[in-house]
Each structure stands twice: as C-alpha cells, then as structure tokens.
Amino acid sequence: ITELPVESKEQIVAKYNPDQLEQGKILFTGNCAKCHKLKEPGSRTPAEWNKVLKRMIPKAKLSDSDGQLVRAYLIANSKQG
C-alpha cells in the first residue's frame, strides 16, 4: 500500500464497487477511531489522503487488502485536488 501511486477519484470509483467502498468505510470507522478522532473524507484531496495513509495503515496494522479498501473509500469521497 505504501508503494501505490495516487489514484484519482474517477479511477477509484471505476475500480471499486459500492460494496467494497462501504467495507472501506466500516474498516475506517472501526480501526482509525480507536486512536483518534476521524477526519471527514472530504477534508483532504486524494494526494493528501495517500500521504496520511502511507503512514497510518501500517500503524493500524491493516492488511494490504483492508488498507486498499480504506484508501478507496477515502479517495472516492475526497475533495478535488
């Protein structure tokens, strides 16, 4: 996950189905809120989320597949860069 390029909202929406994005939301709220207040997905651009997630996904001990779903959810709902 730390090596993935920044994908646009359009690329993410084309690549992930609504069920996968919903799973990403569940993983985000269930794991990230354990340590800190959650940020709104629309508070950051795809590039900003990518930078944060490269650091936080390993700290949260998420698997690559779960990390990719969280990333997809956040980027799909991010603000335009």
N, C-alpha and C. Protein backbone atom coordinates (compact mmCIF):
# COMPACT_ATOMS: atom_id res chain seq x y z
N ILE A 1 0.83 -1.20 0.00
CA ILE A 1 0.00 0.00 0.00
C ILE A 1 0.87 1.26 0.00
N THR A 2 2.02 1.20 0.64
CA THR A 2 2.86 2.39 0.71
C THR A 2 3.50 2.71 -0.63
N GLU A 3 3.47 1.76 -1.55
CA GLU A 3 4.09 1.98 -2.86
C GLU A 3 3.09 2.37 -3.95
N LEU A 4 1.81 2.34 -3.62
CA LEU A 4 0.80 2.61 -4.64
C LEU A 4 0.81 4.07 -5.08
N PRO A 5 0.62 4.31 -6.37
CA PRO A 5 0.53 5.70 -6.84
C PRO A 5 -0.79 6.31 -6.40
N VAL A 6 -0.85 7.62 -6.43
CA VAL A 6 -2.10 8.31 -6.09
C VAL A 6 -3.07 8.13 -7.24
N GLU A 7 -4.23 7.58 -6.94
CA GLU A 7 -5.26 7.42 -7.95
C GLU A 7 -6.29 8.53 -7.78
N SER A 8 -6.90 8.91 -8.88
CA SER A 8 -7.93 9.96 -8.84
C SER A 8 -9.24 9.37 -8.32
N LYS A 9 -10.15 10.25 -7.96
CA LYS A 9 -11.48 9.79 -7.55
C LYS A 9 -12.12 8.94 -8.65
N GLU A 10 -11.97 9.40 -9.89
CA GLU A 10 -12.57 8.69 -11.01
C GLU A 10 -12.00 7.28 -11.16
N GLN A 11 -10.68 7.15 -11.01
CA GLN A 11 -10.05 5.84 -11.10
C GLN A 11 -10.54 4.91 -9.99
N ILE A 12 -10.65 5.45 -8.79
CA ILE A 12 -11.11 4.64 -7.65
C ILE A 12 -12.55 4.20 -7.85
N VAL A 13 -13.42 5.11 -8.24
CA VAL A 13 -14.84 4.78 -8.43
C VAL A 13 -15.01 3.74 -9.54
N ALA A 14 -14.17 3.81 -10.57
CA ALA A 14 -14.24 2.84 -11.66
C ALA A 14 -13.71 1.46 -11.22
N LYS A 15 -12.80 1.45 -10.27
CA LYS A 15 -12.11 0.23 -9.87
C LYS A 15 -12.83 -0.54 -8.74
N TYR A 16 -13.52 0.19 -7.87
CA TYR A 16 -14.14 -0.42 -6.69
C TYR A 16 -15.66 -0.29 -6.78
N ASN A 17 -16.37 -1.37 -6.41
CA ASN A 17 -17.83 -1.31 -6.42
C ASN A 17 -18.35 -0.72 -5.10
N PRO A 18 -19.63 -0.34 -5.05
CA PRO A 18 -20.17 0.27 -3.83
C PRO A 18 -20.01 -0.59 -2.57
N ASP A 19 -20.11 -1.90 -2.71
CA ASP A 19 -19.93 -2.77 -1.54
C ASP A 19 -18.50 -2.69 -1.00
N GLN A 20 -17.53 -2.63 -1.90
CA GLN A 20 -16.13 -2.51 -1.47
C GLN A 20 -15.90 -1.17 -0.78
N LEU A 21 -16.49 -0.11 -1.32
CA LEU A 21 -16.33 1.21 -0.71
C LEU A 21 -17.00 1.25 0.67
N GLU A 22 -18.13 0.59 0.80
CA GLU A 22 -18.81 0.52 2.10
C GLU A 22 -17.95 -0.27 3.09
N GLN A 23 -17.33 -1.34 2.64
CA GLN A 23 -16.42 -2.11 3.51
C GLN A 23 -15.25 -1.23 3.95
N GLY A 24 -14.74 -0.40 3.04
CA GLY A 24 -13.68 0.53 3.39
C GLY A 24 -14.12 1.51 4.45
N LYS A 25 -15.35 1.98 4.36
CA LYS A 25 -15.89 2.90 5.37
C LYS A 25 -15.97 2.22 6.73
N ILE A 26 -16.45 0.98 6.75
CA ILE A 26 -16.55 0.22 8.00
C ILE A 26 -15.17 0.01 8.62
N LEU A 27 -14.20 -0.34 7.80
CA LEU A 27 -12.82 -0.53 8.29
C LEU A 27 -12.25 0.78 8.82
N PHE A 28 -12.52 1.88 8.10
CA PHE A 28 -12.04 3.20 8.50
C PHE A 28 -12.61 3.58 9.87
N THR A 29 -13.93 3.48 10.01
CA THR A 29 -14.53 3.90 11.27
C THR A 29 -14.18 2.94 12.41
N GLY A 30 -14.06 1.66 12.10
CA GLY A 30 -13.78 0.68 13.14
C GLY A 30 -12.34 0.64 13.62
N ASN A 31 -11.40 1.00 12.75
CA ASN A 31 -9.98 0.91 13.11
C ASN A 31 -9.37 2.26 13.44
N CYS A 32 -9.64 3.26 12.64
CA CYS A 32 -8.96 4.55 12.81
C CYS A 32 -9.46 5.31 14.03
N ALA A 33 -10.73 5.13 14.38
CA ALA A 33 -11.31 5.83 15.52
C ALA A 33 -10.81 5.28 16.86
N LYS A 34 -10.12 4.16 16.84
CA LYS A 34 -9.58 3.60 18.08
C LYS A 34 -8.54 4.53 18.70
N CYS A 35 -7.81 5.24 17.84
CA CYS A 35 -6.69 6.06 18.34
C CYS A 35 -6.93 7.56 18.25
N HIS A 36 -7.80 8.00 17.37
CA HIS A 36 -8.01 9.45 17.23
C HIS A 36 -9.35 9.75 16.57
N LYS A 37 -9.74 11.01 16.65
CA LYS A 37 -10.98 11.48 16.03
C LYS A 37 -10.84 11.33 14.51
N LEU A 38 -11.91 10.91 13.88
CA LEU A 38 -11.88 10.70 12.43
C LEU A 38 -12.04 12.03 11.69
N LYS A 39 -11.30 12.15 10.61
CA LYS A 39 -11.45 13.29 9.70
C LYS A 39 -12.51 12.94 8.67
N GLU A 40 -13.22 13.94 8.22
CA GLU A 40 -14.18 13.73 7.13
C GLU A 40 -13.40 13.39 5.85
N PRO A 41 -13.88 12.42 5.07
CA PRO A 41 -13.19 12.10 3.82
C PRO A 41 -13.01 13.32 2.91
N GLY A 42 -13.99 14.21 2.90
CA GLY A 42 -13.92 15.40 2.06
C GLY A 42 -13.01 16.49 2.58
N SER A 43 -12.31 16.22 3.68
CA SER A 43 -11.41 17.23 4.24
C SER A 43 -10.04 17.25 3.56
N ARG A 44 -9.77 16.24 2.74
CA ARG A 44 -8.45 16.13 2.09
C ARG A 44 -8.61 15.72 0.63
N THR A 45 -7.58 16.02 -0.14
CA THR A 45 -7.52 15.59 -1.55
C THR A 45 -7.02 14.15 -1.61
N PRO A 46 -7.14 13.48 -2.78
CA PRO A 46 -6.57 12.14 -2.91
C PRO A 46 -5.08 12.09 -2.54
N ALA A 47 -4.32 13.07 -2.98
CA ALA A 47 -2.88 13.07 -2.69
C ALA A 47 -2.63 13.22 -1.18
N GLU A 48 -3.41 14.07 -0.53
CA GLU A 48 -3.25 14.25 0.92
C GLU A 48 -3.62 12.97 1.67
N TRP A 49 -4.72 12.32 1.27
CA TRP A 49 -5.09 11.07 1.92
C TRP A 49 -4.02 10.00 1.70
N ASN A 50 -3.49 9.94 0.49
CA ASN A 50 -2.47 8.94 0.20
C ASN A 50 -1.27 9.11 1.12
N LYS A 51 -0.86 10.35 1.33
CA LYS A 51 0.29 10.63 2.21
C LYS A 51 -0.01 10.19 3.65
N VAL A 52 -1.19 10.52 4.15
CA VAL A 52 -1.58 10.15 5.51
C VAL A 52 -1.66 8.63 5.64
N LEU A 53 -2.28 7.99 4.66
CA LEU A 53 -2.49 6.54 4.76
C LEU A 53 -1.21 5.74 4.66
N LYS A 54 -0.24 6.22 3.94
CA LYS A 54 1.05 5.52 3.88
C LYS A 54 1.65 5.39 5.27
N ARG A 55 1.39 6.37 6.12
CA ARG A 55 1.90 6.36 7.49
C ARG A 55 0.97 5.60 8.44
N MET A 56 -0.34 5.78 8.25
CA MET A 56 -1.29 5.27 9.24
C MET A 56 -1.71 3.81 9.05
N ILE A 57 -1.77 3.32 7.82
CA ILE A 57 -2.20 1.94 7.61
C ILE A 57 -1.28 0.95 8.31
N PRO A 58 0.06 1.12 8.22
CA PRO A 58 0.92 0.20 8.98
C PRO A 58 0.72 0.34 10.50
N LYS A 59 0.50 1.56 10.99
CA LYS A 59 0.27 1.75 12.44
C LYS A 59 -1.01 1.06 12.88
N ALA A 60 -2.02 1.06 12.02
CA ALA A 60 -3.30 0.42 12.35
C ALA A 60 -3.22 -1.10 12.16
N LYS A 61 -2.10 -1.57 11.62
CA LYS A 61 -1.89 -3.00 11.38
C LYS A 61 -2.96 -3.59 10.47
N LEU A 62 -3.36 -2.83 9.46
CA LEU A 62 -4.33 -3.33 8.48
C LEU A 62 -3.60 -4.16 7.43
N SER A 63 -4.27 -5.18 6.94
CA SER A 63 -3.72 -5.96 5.84
C SER A 63 -3.68 -5.08 4.60
N ASP A 64 -2.92 -5.49 3.59
CA ASP A 64 -2.88 -4.73 2.34
C ASP A 64 -4.28 -4.58 1.74
N SER A 65 -5.04 -5.67 1.73
CA SER A 65 -6.37 -5.59 1.12
C SER A 65 -7.30 -4.67 1.90
N ASP A 66 -7.26 -4.73 3.23
CA ASP A 66 -8.08 -3.83 4.03
C ASP A 66 -7.62 -2.39 3.88
N GLY A 67 -6.32 -2.19 3.85
CA GLY A 67 -5.78 -0.84 3.65
C GLY A 67 -6.21 -0.24 2.32
N GLN A 68 -6.24 -1.08 1.29
CA GLN A 68 -6.66 -0.60 -0.02
C GLN A 68 -8.14 -0.21 -0.02
N LEU A 69 -8.96 -0.93 0.74
CA LEU A 69 -10.37 -0.59 0.82
C LEU A 69 -10.58 0.73 1.58
N VAL A 70 -9.85 0.93 2.65
CA VAL A 70 -9.93 2.20 3.39
C VAL A 70 -9.51 3.34 2.47
N ARG A 71 -8.40 3.14 1.78
CA ARG A 71 -7.90 4.16 0.86
C ARG A 71 -8.91 4.46 -0.24
N ALA A 72 -9.53 3.41 -0.78
CA ALA A 72 -10.53 3.60 -1.84
C ALA A 72 -11.72 4.40 -1.31
N TYR A 73 -12.20 4.07 -0.13
CA TYR A 73 -13.33 4.80 0.46
C TYR A 73 -12.99 6.27 0.64
N LEU A 74 -11.83 6.55 1.22
CA LEU A 74 -11.46 7.94 1.48
C LEU A 74 -11.25 8.72 0.20
N ILE A 75 -10.57 8.13 -0.77
CA ILE A 75 -10.34 8.86 -2.03
C ILE A 75 -11.64 9.04 -2.82
N ALA A 76 -12.50 8.04 -2.80
CA ALA A 76 -13.78 8.15 -3.51
C ALA A 76 -14.62 9.30 -2.95
N ASN A 77 -14.40 9.63 -1.68
CA ASN A 77 -15.19 10.67 -1.02
C ASN A 77 -14.37 11.92 -0.70
N SER A 78 -13.19 12.02 -1.29
CA SER A 78 -12.29 13.14 -1.00
C SER A 78 -12.69 14.39 -1.78
N LYS A 79 -12.04 15.51 -1.41
CA LYS A 79 -12.27 16.74 -2.18
C LYS A 79 -11.38 16.72 -3.40
N GLN A 80 -11.75 17.49 -4.38
CA GLN A 80 -10.96 17.53 -5.63
C GLN A 80 -9.59 18.16 -5.36
N GLY A 81 -8.58 17.57 -5.98
CA GLY A 81 -7.21 18.05 -5.78
C GLY A 81 -6.82 19.16 -6.68
